[in-house]
Amino acid sequence: MHSPPLSHPLQSGQQLQHLQNKAFAYFQFETHPLNGLVADKTAQNWPASIAATGLALTSYPVAVERGLLSKQAAIKRTLTTLRFFRDSPQGEEPDATGYRGFYYHFLDMQSGRRAWQCELSTVDSAFLFAGMLAAAAYFNDDTPAQREIRDLAHALYARADWPWMQAADGTIGHGWRPESGFIPHRWQGYDEGLLLYVLALGSPTHPLAPSAFTAWACTYEWKRCYDIDYLYCGPLFTHQLSHIWLDLRGIQDVFMRGKGIDYFENSRRATQIQQRYAIDNPLGFKGYAAECWGISASDGPGPMTLKIDGVGRQFYDYEGRGAPYGLDDGTLAPWAVVASLPFAPEIVLPTVHHFIHSLQLHEQHPYGFKASFNQTWVDPAGGGASDGWESPYFFGLDQGPILLMVENHRSGMLWQLMRGCRWVVDGLQRAGFEGGWLAKATKSRS
């Protein structure tokens, strides 16, 4: 069911490697050499993103294995990052780097302190911790530097006070601000929070009870779209990010056992629905087709309203776009298509080929695909001569999944690494996952 079409030209190792090379260049050149922080995007004076930094930590092992970075350089970069988080201030002061073991969503690239009065973010901290644990799993030699990587990664993950972030209904809150306290929003309904809950349940020091996962899963929405049944969430990235680190093939929690599928299959169905929606194109956007789709949280050409071919169109800037029931203004995100490669290569590869060769969205850029594009938008100052829009930026949160999900498709490297992380195994088991490789991991530890 998941075997790729070997006849497609993009299936060759050389072409997939080229996608990875361009995506990794972002982490190579957009990382601060003295603290390891990674810029959220390529805008001037923009802060670092802790999620992008977690993706960078995850990318270094792949870069070593694919010949993009020496092992010594990867060790140096990893230690620089981990030492920064070890030494950075944790406290209630508004300009700290973190508090209670969690970190602020955005950090100043130079000082590493909180930027923009942003929130202490649970899910972005989870992506950072996942990167730390991936590094610890990979750098497993008995040398002082690699022992330090493991010790620091484990200590930083263990420091997070998960019960402090738990809401009264048992779910995990989105975050906290020193000025106003806890954010009222909680992680409910299916989304990228799957990884968050697994790490919270697996903590060796401050674990949440299995009831936290139950509280989350009870808010799931099972829907039928285009004759396909699946666990719904609109933006495509929500069906991908947890799968960077978690090998969810053939293992099931209570919910998925009841549906007879696993989360990997669910992501395959979500990918298929995105393509079906683009073919259906209910809002009549330009370019949507079987080989042109991918609606996700992304940069956009707005905010503005334009009349195009007699139709009033409202365009947005950065928004959580989704399909088939989400916000859709004609903006597509190529990276989100690439990140679905492990799930549905038979529809992803032709679409990526279209983006590269027909739309020319990849080769002329230093980091490959920019964040998003919109073929419907018309430049109001251009008299129709400059139809179409392409984001001027690259984002770390986009480039990481390209590199890492292509690698999972090619070799399963990250899935294999994280299977060996005891806290990931513990978290999955406490969440009620059973079967497949997890049953073997449990048996080998007993």
Protein backbone atom coordinates (compact mmCIF):
# COMPACT_ATOMS: atom_id res chain seq x y z
CA MET A 1 0.00 0.00 0.00
CA HIS A 2 2.88 2.39 0.81
CA SER A 3 5.38 1.25 -1.86
CA PRO A 4 6.66 4.14 -4.03
CA PRO A 5 6.37 4.20 -7.83
CA LEU A 6 9.96 3.46 -8.77
CA SER A 7 9.39 4.59 -12.35
CA HIS A 8 8.97 8.23 -11.44
CA PRO A 9 12.09 10.34 -12.23
CA LEU A 10 11.99 12.07 -8.85
CA GLN A 11 12.18 8.70 -7.09
CA SER A 12 15.89 8.40 -7.83
CA GLY A 13 18.22 8.83 -4.90
CA GLN A 14 19.98 11.65 -6.74
CA GLN A 15 16.83 13.76 -7.09
CA LEU A 16 15.72 13.19 -3.51
CA GLN A 17 19.23 13.99 -2.32
CA HIS A 18 19.04 17.27 -4.22
CA LEU A 19 15.86 18.20 -2.32
CA GLN A 20 17.64 17.39 0.94
CA ASN A 21 20.80 19.31 0.03
CA LYS A 22 18.88 22.52 -0.61
CA ALA A 23 16.76 22.17 2.52
CA PHE A 24 19.76 21.49 4.76
CA ALA A 25 21.51 24.60 3.46
CA TYR A 26 18.98 26.61 5.50
CA PHE A 27 20.31 25.14 8.75
CA GLN A 28 23.87 25.44 7.53
CA PHE A 29 23.64 29.19 6.97
CA GLU A 30 20.73 30.44 9.14
CA THR A 31 22.10 29.13 12.46
CA HIS A 32 23.94 31.41 14.88
CA PRO A 33 27.44 29.94 15.31
CA LEU A 34 27.78 30.97 18.97
CA ASN A 35 24.48 29.71 20.38
CA GLY A 36 23.09 27.27 17.81
CA LEU A 37 19.77 29.11 17.48
CA VAL A 38 18.06 28.93 14.08
CA ALA A 39 16.26 31.87 12.49
CA ASP A 40 12.51 31.38 12.20
CA LYS A 41 12.60 32.82 8.67
CA THR A 42 14.88 34.74 6.31
CA ALA A 43 13.58 38.21 7.12
CA GLN A 44 15.97 40.87 8.37
CA ASN A 45 16.42 41.01 12.15
CA TRP A 46 13.95 38.16 12.63
CA PRO A 47 14.18 36.08 15.84
CA ALA A 48 15.02 32.43 16.27
CA SER A 49 12.39 29.72 16.53
CA ILE A 50 12.88 26.98 19.11
CA ALA A 51 10.96 24.58 16.85
CA ALA A 52 13.31 25.31 13.95
CA THR A 53 16.22 24.80 16.34
CA GLY A 54 14.81 21.38 17.26
CA LEU A 55 14.58 20.53 13.57
CA ALA A 56 18.20 21.61 13.13
CA LEU A 57 19.32 19.28 15.93
CA THR A 58 17.40 16.49 14.19
CA SER A 59 18.90 17.38 10.81
CA TYR A 60 22.57 17.10 11.83
CA PRO A 61 22.57 13.27 12.02
CA VAL A 62 20.93 13.09 8.59
CA ALA A 63 23.46 15.58 7.22
CA VAL A 64 26.32 13.41 8.52
CA GLU A 65 24.90 10.24 6.98
CA ARG A 66 24.25 11.99 3.65
CA GLY A 67 27.71 13.56 3.46
CA LEU A 68 26.56 17.15 3.99
CA LEU A 69 28.38 17.72 7.28
CA SER A 70 31.32 16.07 9.00
CA LYS A 71 30.57 14.23 12.21
CA GLN A 72 32.89 16.55 14.13
CA ALA A 73 31.11 19.62 12.78
CA ALA A 74 27.75 18.09 13.70
CA ILE A 75 28.96 17.34 17.23
CA LYS A 76 30.23 20.91 17.60
CA ARG A 77 26.95 22.42 16.40
CA THR A 78 24.92 20.13 18.63
CA LEU A 79 26.97 20.86 21.74
CA THR A 80 26.85 24.61 21.08
CA THR A 81 23.05 24.42 20.99
CA LEU A 82 22.62 22.19 24.02
CA ARG A 83 25.06 24.21 26.13
CA PHE A 84 23.17 27.37 25.26
CA PHE A 85 19.89 25.91 26.54
CA ARG A 86 21.63 24.57 29.64
CA ASP A 87 23.12 27.96 30.49
CA SER A 88 20.30 30.26 29.37
CA PRO A 89 18.18 31.91 32.11
CA GLN A 90 15.09 30.06 33.33
CA GLY A 91 12.78 32.15 35.49
CA GLU A 92 9.70 34.34 35.80
CA GLU A 93 11.42 37.49 34.54
CA PRO A 94 9.91 38.64 31.22
CA ASP A 95 13.20 38.52 29.30
CA ALA A 96 14.29 35.01 30.30
CA THR A 97 14.85 32.24 27.75
CA GLY A 98 12.46 29.86 29.45
CA TYR A 99 10.71 28.82 32.63
CA ARG A 100 9.95 25.51 34.37
CA GLY A 101 12.03 23.70 31.73
CA PHE A 102 10.02 25.06 28.78
CA TYR A 103 11.17 27.74 26.33
CA TYR A 104 9.72 30.79 24.67
CA HIS A 105 8.48 30.30 21.13
CA PHE A 106 10.77 32.99 19.68
CA LEU A 107 14.18 34.01 21.00
CA ASP A 108 16.44 36.88 20.04
CA MET A 109 19.05 35.50 17.64
CA GLN A 110 21.93 37.23 19.44
CA SER A 111 21.08 37.21 23.14
CA GLY A 112 18.84 34.13 23.18
CA ARG A 113 16.30 35.98 25.33
CA ARG A 114 12.53 36.04 24.80
CA ALA A 115 11.42 37.99 21.72
CA TRP A 116 8.17 39.87 21.02
CA GLN A 117 6.60 39.12 24.41
CA CYS A 118 5.77 35.71 22.95
CA GLU A 119 4.45 32.74 24.88
CA LEU A 120 6.28 29.97 26.67
CA SER A 121 5.27 27.33 24.12
CA THR A 122 4.55 23.72 24.96
CA VAL A 123 4.42 22.35 21.42
CA ASP A 124 7.46 24.27 20.21
CA SER A 125 9.36 23.09 23.28
CA ALA A 126 8.31 19.54 22.35
CA PHE A 127 9.85 19.91 18.88
CA LEU A 128 13.01 21.19 20.55
CA PHE A 129 13.09 18.27 22.99
CA ALA A 130 12.51 15.81 20.14
CA GLY A 131 15.54 17.25 18.37
CA MET A 132 17.60 16.91 21.52
CA LEU A 133 16.53 13.28 21.96
CA ALA A 134 17.28 12.53 18.31
CA ALA A 135 20.78 13.91 18.78
CA ALA A 136 21.23 11.84 21.94
CA ALA A 137 20.14 8.70 20.07
CA TYR A 138 22.54 9.30 17.19
CA PHE A 139 25.68 10.43 19.00
CA ASN A 140 26.10 7.23 20.98
CA ASP A 141 29.86 6.68 20.98
CA ASP A 142 31.77 6.57 24.25
CA THR A 143 33.66 9.84 23.78
CA PRO A 144 33.56 12.88 26.12
CA ALA A 145 31.80 15.06 23.53
CA GLN A 146 29.14 12.50 22.65
CA ARG A 147 28.57 11.58 26.29
CA GLU A 148 28.02 15.27 26.97
CA ILE A 149 25.45 15.46 24.16
CA ARG A 150 23.51 12.57 25.68
CA ASP A 151 23.74 13.90 29.23
CA LEU A 152 22.65 17.42 28.27
CA ALA A 153 19.81 16.29 26.03
CA HIS A 154 18.40 13.97 28.66
CA ALA A 155 18.74 16.54 31.46
CA LEU A 156 17.05 19.30 29.44
CA TYR A 157 14.14 17.05 28.50
CA ALA A 158 13.81 15.83 32.09
CA ARG A 159 13.64 19.41 33.40
CA ALA A 160 10.27 20.22 31.77
CA ASP A 161 7.49 20.46 34.36
CA TRP A 162 4.61 18.94 32.40
CA PRO A 163 2.02 18.86 35.24
CA TRP A 164 2.44 22.63 35.62
CA MET A 165 1.24 23.05 32.01
CA GLN A 166 -1.76 20.72 32.44
CA ALA A 167 -5.21 22.32 32.33
CA ALA A 168 -8.09 21.42 34.63
CA ASP A 169 -9.69 19.17 32.00
CA GLY A 170 -6.52 17.07 31.76
CA THR A 171 -5.27 18.42 28.43
CA ILE A 172 -2.03 20.34 27.97
CA GLY A 173 -2.22 24.13 27.65
CA HIS A 174 -0.72 25.98 24.70
CA GLY A 175 1.55 28.04 26.90
CA TRP A 176 2.14 30.74 29.49
CA ARG A 177 3.18 34.41 29.65
CA PRO A 178 4.76 36.09 32.68
CA GLU A 179 2.50 39.11 32.18
CA SER A 180 -0.83 37.25 32.10
CA GLY A 181 -0.32 33.62 33.11
CA PHE A 182 -1.60 30.57 31.26
CA ILE A 183 -3.00 30.88 27.74
CA PRO A 184 -6.65 29.74 27.76
CA HIS A 185 -6.23 27.58 24.63
CA ARG A 186 -5.49 23.90 25.14
CA TRP A 187 -4.29 21.09 22.88
CA GLN A 188 -7.58 19.54 21.83
CA GLY A 189 -8.64 17.71 18.69
CA TYR A 190 -6.17 15.89 16.49
CA ASP A 191 -3.16 17.92 15.37
CA GLU A 192 0.63 18.09 15.72
CA GLY A 193 0.10 17.77 19.49
CA LEU A 194 0.48 13.98 19.25
CA LEU A 195 4.26 14.29 19.76
CA LEU A 196 3.67 16.73 22.62
CA TYR A 197 1.54 14.23 24.54
CA VAL A 198 3.91 11.32 23.91
CA LEU A 199 6.84 13.32 25.32
CA ALA A 200 4.77 14.56 28.27
CA LEU A 201 3.69 11.02 29.18
CA GLY A 202 7.19 9.64 28.68
CA SER A 203 9.01 12.12 30.96
CA PRO A 204 11.30 10.35 33.46
CA THR A 205 10.80 13.09 36.06
CA HIS A 206 7.49 14.95 35.59
CA PRO A 207 5.24 12.64 33.55
CA LEU A 208 1.59 13.24 32.90
CA ALA A 209 -0.78 10.36 33.60
CA PRO A 210 -2.25 8.38 30.68
CA SER A 211 -5.53 10.18 31.37
CA ALA A 212 -4.02 13.28 29.74
CA PHE A 213 -3.85 11.48 26.41
CA THR A 214 -7.40 10.23 26.91
CA ALA A 215 -8.54 13.81 27.54
CA TRP A 216 -6.92 14.88 24.29
CA ALA A 217 -8.20 11.99 22.17
CA CYS A 218 -11.79 12.42 23.35
CA THR A 219 -11.91 15.67 21.36
CA TYR A 220 -11.03 13.95 18.05
CA GLU A 221 -13.26 14.48 14.97
CA TRP A 222 -13.72 11.50 12.65
CA LYS A 223 -15.01 12.72 9.29
CA ARG A 224 -15.82 11.44 5.83
CA CYS A 225 -14.52 13.57 2.97
CA TYR A 226 -14.48 12.58 -0.70
CA ASP A 227 -15.57 9.06 0.30
CA ILE A 228 -12.55 8.74 2.60
CA ASP A 229 -12.93 8.26 6.37
CA TYR A 230 -10.22 9.81 8.53
CA LEU A 231 -9.30 11.61 11.73
CA TYR A 232 -9.75 15.20 10.67
CA CYS A 233 -7.46 18.18 10.91
CA GLY A 234 -7.36 20.75 8.12
CA PRO A 235 -3.76 22.00 7.74
CA LEU A 236 -1.56 19.37 6.10
CA PHE A 237 1.40 19.91 8.43
CA THR A 238 -0.62 18.64 11.41
CA HIS A 239 -0.59 15.19 9.81
CA GLN A 240 3.19 15.26 9.36
CA LEU A 241 5.22 16.89 12.12
CA SER A 242 4.82 14.22 14.82
CA HIS A 243 5.73 11.59 12.20
CA ILE A 244 9.18 13.10 11.75
CA TRP A 245 10.19 11.46 15.03
CA LEU A 246 7.47 8.88 15.76
CA ASP A 247 7.28 5.68 13.74
CA LEU A 248 3.52 5.20 13.85
CA ARG A 249 3.38 2.44 11.23
CA GLY A 250 1.62 -0.64 12.52
CA ILE A 251 1.06 0.57 16.09
CA GLN A 252 -2.31 1.72 17.40
CA ASP A 253 -3.81 3.49 20.37
CA VAL A 254 -7.36 2.86 21.60
CA PHE A 255 -8.89 5.26 19.08
CA MET A 256 -7.10 3.82 16.05
CA ARG A 257 -7.75 0.23 17.12
CA GLY A 258 -11.43 1.12 17.04
CA LYS A 259 -11.07 2.43 13.48
CA GLY A 260 -8.91 -0.40 12.18
CA ILE A 261 -6.09 1.82 10.91
CA ASP A 262 -2.98 3.55 12.30
CA TYR A 263 -1.89 7.20 12.32
CA PHE A 264 0.41 6.61 9.35
CA GLU A 265 -2.52 5.41 7.27
CA ASN A 266 -4.54 8.36 8.56
CA SER A 267 -1.89 10.76 7.24
CA ARG A 268 -1.99 8.96 3.88
CA ARG A 269 -5.74 9.55 3.74
CA ALA A 270 -5.36 13.21 4.75
CA THR A 271 -2.86 13.61 1.89
CA GLN A 272 -5.24 12.00 -0.59
CA ILE A 273 -8.06 14.29 0.56
CA GLN A 274 -5.88 17.34 -0.07
CA GLN A 275 -5.39 16.20 -3.67
CA ARG A 276 -9.10 15.43 -4.11
CA TYR A 277 -9.97 18.89 -2.78
CA ALA A 278 -7.61 20.53 -5.29
CA ILE A 279 -9.15 18.55 -8.15
CA ASP A 280 -12.64 19.55 -6.94
CA ASN A 281 -11.43 23.16 -6.42
CA PRO A 282 -14.76 24.37 -4.99
CA LEU A 283 -13.64 28.01 -4.76
CA GLY A 284 -12.23 28.13 -8.28
CA PHE A 285 -8.63 29.09 -7.55
CA LYS A 286 -6.11 29.22 -10.39
CA GLY A 287 -3.74 26.29 -10.76
CA TYR A 288 -5.36 23.78 -8.42
CA ALA A 289 -5.14 20.29 -9.97
CA ALA A 290 -4.18 16.67 -9.33
CA GLU A 291 -0.52 17.75 -9.45
CA CYS A 292 -0.96 21.12 -7.73
CA TRP A 293 -2.17 21.02 -4.11
CA GLY A 294 -0.91 21.36 -0.54
CA ILE A 295 -2.86 23.61 1.83
CA SER A 296 -1.23 24.15 5.22
CA ALA A 297 -0.25 26.79 7.74
CA SER A 298 1.75 29.15 5.56
CA ASP A 299 2.77 32.63 4.55
CA GLY A 300 0.37 34.41 2.20
CA PRO A 301 -0.01 37.47 -0.06
CA GLY A 302 -2.49 39.38 2.14
CA PRO A 303 -4.11 40.81 4.03
CA MET A 304 -6.07 42.40 1.20
CA THR A 305 -9.24 42.03 -0.83
CA LEU A 306 -9.04 42.12 -4.64
CA LYS A 307 -11.55 41.77 -7.45
CA ILE A 308 -10.21 39.21 -9.91
CA ASP A 309 -12.17 38.27 -13.01
CA GLY A 310 -15.26 39.76 -11.43
CA VAL A 311 -14.89 37.76 -8.21
CA GLY A 312 -14.07 39.36 -4.86
CA ARG A 313 -11.11 37.49 -3.34
CA GLN A 314 -9.87 37.90 0.21
CA PHE A 315 -6.20 37.06 0.73
CA TYR A 316 -4.49 36.49 4.08
CA ASP A 317 -0.93 36.67 5.36
CA TYR A 318 0.41 33.93 7.67
CA GLU A 319 -2.57 31.72 8.57
CA GLY A 320 -3.42 28.14 9.45
CA ARG A 321 -4.86 27.27 6.06
CA GLY A 322 -6.46 23.86 5.65
CA ALA A 323 -8.68 21.62 3.53
CA PRO A 324 -11.39 20.68 2.96
CA TYR A 325 -12.96 22.75 5.78
CA GLY A 326 -10.23 25.24 6.52
CA LEU A 327 -9.23 28.67 5.35
CA ASP A 328 -8.36 28.60 1.64
CA ASP A 329 -7.33 31.68 -0.35
CA GLY A 330 -5.51 29.93 -3.20
CA THR A 331 -2.17 29.71 -1.35
CA LEU A 332 -0.26 26.42 -1.58
CA ALA A 333 2.81 25.27 0.39
CA PRO A 334 5.24 23.04 -1.59
CA TRP A 335 7.12 21.94 1.52
CA ALA A 336 3.93 20.48 2.97
CA VAL A 337 3.57 18.29 -0.11
CA VAL A 338 7.17 17.04 0.15
CA ALA A 339 6.65 16.22 3.84
CA SER A 340 3.86 13.81 2.84
CA LEU A 341 6.30 11.75 0.76
CA PRO A 342 6.41 8.74 3.12
CA PHE A 343 2.61 8.51 3.19
CA ALA A 344 1.62 8.85 -0.47
CA PRO A 345 4.61 8.93 -2.84
CA GLU A 346 2.41 8.06 -5.81
CA ILE A 347 0.72 11.48 -5.65
CA VAL A 348 3.50 13.48 -3.96
CA LEU A 349 6.24 12.82 -6.52
CA PRO A 350 4.28 14.02 -9.59
CA THR A 351 3.23 17.14 -7.65
CA VAL A 352 6.78 17.95 -6.58
CA HIS A 353 7.88 17.40 -10.18
CA HIS A 354 5.23 19.91 -11.29
CA PHE A 355 6.41 22.46 -8.71
CA ILE A 356 10.03 22.10 -9.78
CA HIS A 357 9.80 21.78 -13.56
CA SER A 358 6.51 23.39 -14.59
CA LEU A 359 6.22 26.19 -12.03
CA GLN A 360 9.99 26.73 -11.53
CA LEU A 361 9.63 27.08 -7.75
CA HIS A 362 12.82 25.31 -6.62
CA GLU A 363 16.04 25.54 -8.60
CA GLN A 364 16.56 29.30 -8.64
CA HIS A 365 16.43 29.59 -4.85
CA PRO A 366 19.36 28.89 -2.49
CA TYR A 367 17.25 26.82 -0.09
CA GLY A 368 14.92 25.22 -2.63
CA PHE A 369 11.21 25.79 -2.10
CA LYS A 370 10.09 29.07 -0.59
CA ALA A 371 7.28 28.92 1.93
CA SER A 372 4.26 29.22 -0.36
CA PHE A 373 2.83 30.58 -3.60
CA ASN A 374 -0.52 31.76 -4.94
CA GLN A 375 -1.37 31.67 -8.66
CA THR A 376 -4.73 33.43 -8.28
CA TRP A 377 -3.37 36.64 -6.72
CA VAL A 378 -2.89 39.62 -9.04
CA ASP A 379 -0.54 42.48 -8.22
CA PRO A 380 -2.86 45.49 -7.81
CA ALA A 381 -0.02 47.80 -8.87
CA GLY A 382 1.05 45.73 -11.85
CA GLY A 383 -1.94 46.03 -14.14
CA GLY A 384 -2.13 42.25 -14.43
CA ALA A 385 1.45 41.95 -15.67
CA SER A 386 2.68 40.40 -12.42
CA ASP A 387 0.00 37.82 -11.77
CA GLY A 388 0.79 35.29 -9.10
CA TRP A 389 2.62 35.59 -5.80
CA GLU A 390 5.50 33.73 -4.19
CA SER A 391 6.54 34.17 -0.58
CA PRO A 392 9.74 36.20 -0.29
CA TYR A 393 10.85 34.04 2.66
CA PHE A 394 12.13 30.65 3.66
CA PHE A 395 11.12 29.26 7.06
CA GLY A 396 13.06 26.82 9.22
CA LEU A 397 9.82 25.07 10.11
CA ASP A 398 9.33 24.35 6.38
CA GLN A 399 12.86 23.30 5.45
CA GLY A 400 13.24 20.81 8.30
CA PRO A 401 10.33 18.56 7.32
CA ILE A 402 11.54 18.48 3.71
CA LEU A 403 14.96 17.17 4.73
CA LEU A 404 13.70 14.83 7.43
CA MET A 405 10.61 13.32 5.83
CA VAL A 406 12.51 12.67 2.60
CA GLU A 407 15.01 10.82 4.78
CA ASN A 408 12.30 8.80 6.49
CA HIS A 409 10.99 7.88 3.04
CA ARG A 410 14.45 6.90 1.82
CA SER A 411 15.82 5.05 4.84
CA GLY A 412 13.55 5.34 7.88
CA MET A 413 16.61 6.63 9.73
CA LEU A 414 14.87 8.91 12.23
CA TRP A 415 12.14 6.40 12.95
CA GLN A 416 14.79 3.80 13.69
CA LEU A 417 16.73 6.18 15.93
CA MET A 418 13.70 7.21 17.97
CA ARG A 419 12.53 3.63 18.42
CA GLY A 420 15.60 3.29 20.61
CA CYS A 421 14.66 6.25 22.84
CA ARG A 422 13.28 4.78 26.05
CA TRP A 423 11.14 7.85 26.84
CA VAL A 424 9.47 7.82 23.45
CA VAL A 425 8.71 4.13 23.95
CA ASP A 426 7.40 4.85 27.46
CA GLY A 427 5.25 7.73 26.21
CA LEU A 428 3.71 5.66 23.43
CA GLN A 429 2.97 2.79 25.79
CA ARG A 430 1.41 5.05 28.41
CA ALA A 431 -0.74 6.60 25.67
CA GLY A 432 -2.08 3.12 24.98
CA PHE A 433 -0.18 2.27 21.81
CA GLU A 434 0.35 -1.43 21.13
CA GLY A 435 1.53 -3.79 18.41
CA GLY A 436 4.20 -3.85 15.72
CA TRP A 437 7.68 -2.70 16.59
CA LEU A 438 6.48 -1.37 19.95
CA ALA A 439 5.54 -4.86 21.12
CA LYS A 440 9.04 -6.06 20.24
CA ALA A 441 10.61 -3.08 22.05
CA THR A 442 8.55 -3.85 25.14
CA LYS A 443 9.49 -7.52 25.06
CA SER A 444 13.20 -6.77 24.69
CA ARG A 445 13.12 -4.52 27.77
CA SER A 446 11.20 -6.92 29.99
